Amino acid sequence: RSLGPSRAKELHFSGRFIGAKEAMAWGLVNRVLPPQQLMPHCLDLAKEMSKMNPTMLRMMKQTVNDGYGMSFKDGCENEQNVAYKYYKEMGAELFEKMKAFIMSRSKGAKSKL
């Protein structure tokens, strides 16, 4: 699916293997690193992820996995449903803390995007 039918056929019919740089150009991998940089990069990524709420991380992963085969509209609806479920289960105190954090970031904060 990620390749699209033309590239999938090209690889299947030719039996050709593609290298790391071509796989990255085709969107099959996120990045290509020299072997000595691979583990430090993975550990840095794991450290970033470990700072996230584990329940929210699981829900985001499930939302992406579920939404992959959905239409855009259905995927957006699924994200809304998952977010609603998460916020409903988090409790009033945690919700207020999250709301305060979001509000503090929106007062003149510059986006990094």
N, C-alpha and C. Protein backbone atom coordinates (compact mmCIF):
# COMPACT_ATOMS: atom_id res chain seq x y z
N ARG A 1 0.81 -1.20 0.00
CA ARG A 1 0.00 0.00 0.00
C ARG A 1 0.85 1.25 0.00
N SER A 2 1.89 1.27 0.78
CA SER A 2 2.72 2.47 0.88
C SER A 2 3.41 2.81 -0.44
N LEU A 3 3.71 1.79 -1.19
CA LEU A 3 4.41 1.99 -2.45
C LEU A 3 3.52 2.48 -3.58
N GLY A 4 2.30 2.07 -3.56
CA GLY A 4 1.44 2.30 -4.71
C GLY A 4 1.62 1.15 -5.69
N PRO A 5 0.65 0.96 -6.58
CA PRO A 5 0.68 -0.22 -7.46
C PRO A 5 1.85 -0.24 -8.43
N SER A 6 2.27 0.91 -8.96
CA SER A 6 3.35 0.92 -9.96
C SER A 6 4.68 0.45 -9.38
N ARG A 7 5.04 1.01 -8.25
CA ARG A 7 6.31 0.62 -7.64
C ARG A 7 6.25 -0.80 -7.10
N ALA A 8 5.11 -1.19 -6.53
CA ALA A 8 4.97 -2.56 -6.03
C ALA A 8 5.15 -3.55 -7.17
N LYS A 9 4.54 -3.28 -8.31
CA LYS A 9 4.68 -4.16 -9.48
C LYS A 9 6.13 -4.19 -9.96
N GLU A 10 6.76 -3.01 -10.00
CA GLU A 10 8.16 -2.95 -10.44
C GLU A 10 9.03 -3.88 -9.60
N LEU A 11 8.88 -3.82 -8.29
CA LEU A 11 9.70 -4.66 -7.42
C LEU A 11 9.32 -6.13 -7.50
N HIS A 12 8.03 -6.42 -7.54
CA HIS A 12 7.59 -7.81 -7.64
C HIS A 12 8.00 -8.45 -8.97
N PHE A 13 7.78 -7.74 -10.05
CA PHE A 13 8.03 -8.32 -11.37
C PHE A 13 9.51 -8.41 -11.71
N SER A 14 10.33 -7.53 -11.14
CA SER A 14 11.76 -7.54 -11.44
C SER A 14 12.55 -8.37 -10.41
N GLY A 15 11.98 -8.54 -9.23
CA GLY A 15 12.71 -9.24 -8.17
C GLY A 15 13.83 -8.39 -7.59
N ARG A 16 13.86 -7.12 -7.93
CA ARG A 16 14.92 -6.20 -7.52
C ARG A 16 14.74 -5.80 -6.05
N PHE A 17 15.85 -5.65 -5.37
CA PHE A 17 15.86 -5.12 -4.02
C PHE A 17 16.22 -3.64 -4.09
N ILE A 18 15.72 -2.87 -3.15
CA ILE A 18 16.09 -1.46 -3.13
C ILE A 18 16.95 -1.17 -1.92
N GLY A 19 17.82 -0.20 -2.06
CA GLY A 19 18.71 0.18 -0.98
C GLY A 19 18.04 1.13 0.00
N ALA A 20 18.76 1.46 1.06
CA ALA A 20 18.21 2.30 2.12
C ALA A 20 17.83 3.69 1.62
N LYS A 21 18.68 4.31 0.81
CA LYS A 21 18.39 5.66 0.33
C LYS A 21 17.17 5.68 -0.60
N GLU A 22 17.05 4.67 -1.43
CA GLU A 22 15.88 4.60 -2.30
C GLU A 22 14.61 4.32 -1.48
N ALA A 23 14.73 3.47 -0.47
CA ALA A 23 13.59 3.21 0.41
C ALA A 23 13.15 4.49 1.12
N MET A 24 14.11 5.33 1.49
CA MET A 24 13.76 6.60 2.12
C MET A 24 13.10 7.53 1.11
N ALA A 25 13.63 7.59 -0.09
CA ALA A 25 13.04 8.44 -1.12
C ALA A 25 11.61 8.01 -1.45
N TRP A 26 11.34 6.73 -1.34
CA TRP A 26 10.00 6.19 -1.63
C TRP A 26 9.07 6.29 -0.43
N GLY A 27 9.59 6.74 0.71
CA GLY A 27 8.76 6.90 1.90
C GLY A 27 8.55 5.63 2.70
N LEU A 28 9.41 4.65 2.51
CA LEU A 28 9.27 3.38 3.23
C LEU A 28 9.96 3.38 4.59
N VAL A 29 10.95 4.26 4.76
CA VAL A 29 11.64 4.40 6.04
C VAL A 29 11.70 5.89 6.38
N ASN A 30 11.81 6.22 7.65
CA ASN A 30 11.83 7.61 8.08
C ASN A 30 13.17 8.29 7.85
N ARG A 31 14.24 7.54 8.03
CA ARG A 31 15.57 8.12 7.85
C ARG A 31 16.57 6.99 7.66
N VAL A 32 17.74 7.37 7.13
CA VAL A 32 18.85 6.44 6.94
C VAL A 32 20.02 6.99 7.74
N LEU A 33 20.56 6.16 8.60
CA LEU A 33 21.66 6.59 9.47
C LEU A 33 22.85 5.65 9.32
N PRO A 34 24.05 6.16 9.54
CA PRO A 34 25.21 5.27 9.61
C PRO A 34 25.04 4.34 10.82
N PRO A 35 25.57 3.13 10.74
CA PRO A 35 25.39 2.16 11.83
C PRO A 35 25.74 2.69 13.21
N GLN A 36 26.80 3.50 13.33
CA GLN A 36 27.23 3.99 14.64
C GLN A 36 26.26 5.03 15.21
N GLN A 37 25.38 5.60 14.39
CA GLN A 37 24.41 6.58 14.87
C GLN A 37 23.04 5.97 15.16
N LEU A 38 22.83 4.74 14.74
CA LEU A 38 21.51 4.13 14.85
C LEU A 38 21.04 3.98 16.30
N MET A 39 21.83 3.35 17.16
CA MET A 39 21.41 3.12 18.53
C MET A 39 21.24 4.44 19.30
N PRO A 40 22.18 5.40 19.21
CA PRO A 40 21.94 6.67 19.90
C PRO A 40 20.66 7.36 19.42
N HIS A 41 20.39 7.30 18.13
CA HIS A 41 19.16 7.90 17.62
C HIS A 41 17.92 7.21 18.20
N CYS A 42 17.94 5.89 18.21
CA CYS A 42 16.80 5.13 18.75
C CYS A 42 16.60 5.41 20.23
N LEU A 43 17.68 5.51 20.98
CA LEU A 43 17.58 5.81 22.41
C LEU A 43 17.03 7.21 22.65
N ASP A 44 17.45 8.18 21.82
CA ASP A 44 16.91 9.54 21.93
C ASP A 44 15.41 9.55 21.64
N LEU A 45 15.00 8.83 20.61
CA LEU A 45 13.58 8.75 20.27
C LEU A 45 12.80 8.09 21.39
N ALA A 46 13.35 7.01 21.95
CA ALA A 46 12.68 6.32 23.07
C ALA A 46 12.57 7.24 24.28
N LYS A 47 13.60 8.05 24.52
CA LYS A 47 13.57 8.99 25.65
C LYS A 47 12.45 10.02 25.45
N GLU A 48 12.32 10.54 24.22
CA GLU A 48 11.23 11.49 23.92
C GLU A 48 9.86 10.83 24.16
N MET A 49 9.71 9.63 23.67
CA MET A 49 8.43 8.93 23.80
C MET A 49 8.12 8.60 25.25
N SER A 50 9.15 8.31 26.04
CA SER A 50 8.92 7.94 27.44
C SER A 50 8.40 9.11 28.27
N LYS A 51 8.54 10.34 27.77
CA LYS A 51 8.04 11.52 28.47
C LYS A 51 6.53 11.69 28.26
N MET A 52 5.99 10.97 27.31
CA MET A 52 4.56 11.10 27.00
C MET A 52 3.73 10.23 27.95
N ASN A 53 2.48 10.61 28.09
CA ASN A 53 1.55 9.80 28.86
C ASN A 53 1.38 8.46 28.15
N PRO A 54 1.67 7.33 28.81
CA PRO A 54 1.62 6.03 28.14
C PRO A 54 0.24 5.68 27.58
N THR A 55 -0.81 6.07 28.30
CA THR A 55 -2.16 5.78 27.80
C THR A 55 -2.43 6.55 26.53
N MET A 56 -2.05 7.82 26.51
CA MET A 56 -2.26 8.63 25.31
C MET A 56 -1.42 8.12 24.16
N LEU A 57 -0.20 7.70 24.44
CA LEU A 57 0.67 7.15 23.40
C LEU A 57 0.05 5.91 22.77
N ARG A 58 -0.48 5.01 23.61
CA ARG A 58 -1.15 3.82 23.09
C ARG A 58 -2.36 4.19 22.23
N MET A 59 -3.12 5.16 22.70
CA MET A 59 -4.31 5.58 21.95
C MET A 59 -3.93 6.22 20.62
N MET A 60 -2.86 7.03 20.62
CA MET A 60 -2.42 7.64 19.36
C MET A 60 -1.95 6.56 18.38
N LYS A 61 -1.22 5.59 18.88
CA LYS A 61 -0.74 4.50 18.02
C LYS A 61 -1.92 3.74 17.43
N GLN A 62 -2.91 3.44 18.25
CA GLN A 62 -4.08 2.71 17.77
C GLN A 62 -4.87 3.55 16.76
N THR A 63 -4.95 4.86 17.00
CA THR A 63 -5.67 5.73 16.08
C THR A 63 -4.99 5.74 14.71
N VAL A 64 -3.68 5.83 14.69
CA VAL A 64 -2.95 5.81 13.42
C VAL A 64 -3.13 4.46 12.74
N ASN A 65 -2.97 3.38 13.50
CA ASN A 65 -3.13 2.04 12.91
C ASN A 65 -4.54 1.84 12.35
N ASP A 66 -5.55 2.22 13.13
CA ASP A 66 -6.93 2.05 12.67
C ASP A 66 -7.24 2.96 11.48
N GLY A 67 -6.75 4.19 11.53
CA GLY A 67 -7.09 5.17 10.52
C GLY A 67 -6.42 4.95 9.18
N TYR A 68 -5.39 4.13 9.16
CA TYR A 68 -4.63 3.92 7.93
C TYR A 68 -5.51 3.41 6.80
N GLY A 69 -6.44 2.54 7.09
CA GLY A 69 -7.29 1.98 6.04
C GLY A 69 -8.62 2.72 5.88
N MET A 70 -8.79 3.83 6.59
CA MET A 70 -10.06 4.56 6.54
C MET A 70 -9.99 5.72 5.56
N SER A 71 -11.15 6.20 5.19
CA SER A 71 -11.22 7.44 4.42
C SER A 71 -10.79 8.57 5.35
N PHE A 72 -10.48 9.72 4.76
CA PHE A 72 -10.07 10.87 5.57
C PHE A 72 -11.17 11.24 6.56
N LYS A 73 -12.39 11.29 6.10
CA LYS A 73 -13.53 11.64 6.96
C LYS A 73 -13.67 10.67 8.12
N ASP A 74 -13.63 9.37 7.82
CA ASP A 74 -13.76 8.36 8.87
C ASP A 74 -12.57 8.40 9.83
N GLY A 75 -11.37 8.67 9.30
CA GLY A 75 -10.20 8.78 10.15
C GLY A 75 -10.31 9.93 11.13
N CYS A 76 -10.80 11.09 10.65
CA CYS A 76 -10.99 12.25 11.53
C CYS A 76 -12.03 11.95 12.60
N GLU A 77 -13.11 11.29 12.19
CA GLU A 77 -14.15 10.92 13.16
C GLU A 77 -13.60 9.96 14.20
N ASN A 78 -12.79 9.02 13.78
CA ASN A 78 -12.17 8.07 14.70
C ASN A 78 -11.27 8.80 15.69
N GLU A 79 -10.47 9.76 15.21
CA GLU A 79 -9.61 10.53 16.10
C GLU A 79 -10.43 11.29 17.14
N GLN A 80 -11.54 11.87 16.71
CA GLN A 80 -12.40 12.59 17.65
C GLN A 80 -12.95 11.65 18.72
N ASN A 81 -13.38 10.47 18.30
CA ASN A 81 -13.94 9.49 19.25
C ASN A 81 -12.89 9.04 20.26
N VAL A 82 -11.67 8.79 19.78
CA VAL A 82 -10.60 8.36 20.68
C VAL A 82 -10.25 9.48 21.66
N ALA A 83 -10.15 10.72 21.16
CA ALA A 83 -9.84 11.86 22.03
C ALA A 83 -10.94 12.03 23.08
N TYR A 84 -12.18 11.92 22.67
CA TYR A 84 -13.29 12.06 23.61
C TYR A 84 -13.20 11.00 24.71
N LYS A 85 -12.93 9.77 24.30
CA LYS A 85 -12.81 8.68 25.26
C LYS A 85 -11.66 8.95 26.25
N TYR A 86 -10.54 9.42 25.72
CA TYR A 86 -9.39 9.70 26.58
C TYR A 86 -9.72 10.80 27.59
N TYR A 87 -10.27 11.90 27.11
CA TYR A 87 -10.58 13.02 28.01
C TYR A 87 -11.64 12.65 29.03
N LYS A 88 -12.60 11.83 28.61
CA LYS A 88 -13.66 11.40 29.52
C LYS A 88 -13.10 10.56 30.67
N GLU A 89 -12.08 9.75 30.36
CA GLU A 89 -11.50 8.84 31.35
C GLU A 89 -10.41 9.49 32.21
N MET A 90 -9.92 10.65 31.82
CA MET A 90 -8.76 11.20 32.52
C MET A 90 -9.09 11.81 33.88
N GLY A 91 -10.29 12.17 34.12
CA GLY A 91 -10.65 12.77 35.41
C GLY A 91 -10.56 14.28 35.37
N ALA A 92 -11.36 14.92 36.20
CA ALA A 92 -11.49 16.38 36.18
C ALA A 92 -10.19 17.09 36.53
N GLU A 93 -9.47 16.60 37.54
CA GLU A 93 -8.25 17.28 37.97
C GLU A 93 -7.18 17.28 36.87
N LEU A 94 -6.95 16.12 36.28
CA LEU A 94 -5.97 16.02 35.21
C LEU A 94 -6.40 16.83 33.99
N PHE A 95 -7.70 16.81 33.70
CA PHE A 95 -8.22 17.59 32.58
C PHE A 95 -7.96 19.08 32.79
N GLU A 96 -8.18 19.58 34.00
CA GLU A 96 -7.94 20.99 34.29
C GLU A 96 -6.46 21.34 34.16
N LYS A 97 -5.59 20.43 34.59
CA LYS A 97 -4.14 20.66 34.44
C LYS A 97 -3.77 20.73 32.97
N MET A 98 -4.32 19.82 32.17
CA MET A 98 -4.04 19.81 30.74
C MET A 98 -4.56 21.10 30.09
N LYS A 99 -5.77 21.50 30.47
CA LYS A 99 -6.36 22.71 29.92
C LYS A 99 -5.51 23.94 30.27
N ALA A 100 -5.04 24.02 31.51
CA ALA A 100 -4.20 25.13 31.94
C ALA A 100 -2.89 25.15 31.16
N PHE A 101 -2.32 23.98 30.92
CA PHE A 101 -1.08 23.90 30.15
C PHE A 101 -1.31 24.41 28.72
N ILE A 102 -2.38 23.97 28.09
CA ILE A 102 -2.68 24.39 26.72
C ILE A 102 -2.90 25.90 26.67
N MET A 103 -3.63 26.42 27.63
CA MET A 103 -3.89 27.86 27.66
C MET A 103 -2.60 28.66 27.88
N SER A 104 -1.71 28.14 28.71
CA SER A 104 -0.45 28.85 28.96
C SER A 104 0.41 28.89 27.71
N ARG A 105 0.31 27.88 26.88
CA ARG A 105 1.10 27.82 25.65
C ARG A 105 0.51 28.70 24.55
N SER A 106 -0.78 28.99 24.63
CA SER A 106 -1.41 29.73 23.55
C SER A 106 -1.32 31.24 23.73
N LYS A 107 -0.86 31.70 24.87
CA LYS A 107 -0.76 33.15 25.13
C LYS A 107 0.57 33.69 24.56
N GLY A 108 0.55 34.00 23.28
CA GLY A 108 1.73 34.59 22.64
C GLY A 108 2.84 33.60 22.35
N ALA A 109 2.65 32.33 22.63
CA ALA A 109 3.69 31.35 22.34
C ALA A 109 3.83 31.19 20.82
N LYS A 110 5.05 31.03 20.38
CA LYS A 110 5.30 30.85 18.95
C LYS A 110 5.32 29.36 18.63
N SER A 111 4.67 29.01 17.54
CA SER A 111 4.61 27.62 17.12
C SER A 111 5.96 27.18 16.58
N LYS A 112 6.33 25.94 16.84
CA LYS A 112 7.56 25.38 16.30
C LYS A 112 7.31 24.70 14.95
N LEU A 113 6.07 24.70 14.51
CA LEU A 113 5.74 24.04 13.25
C LEU A 113 6.09 24.92 12.08
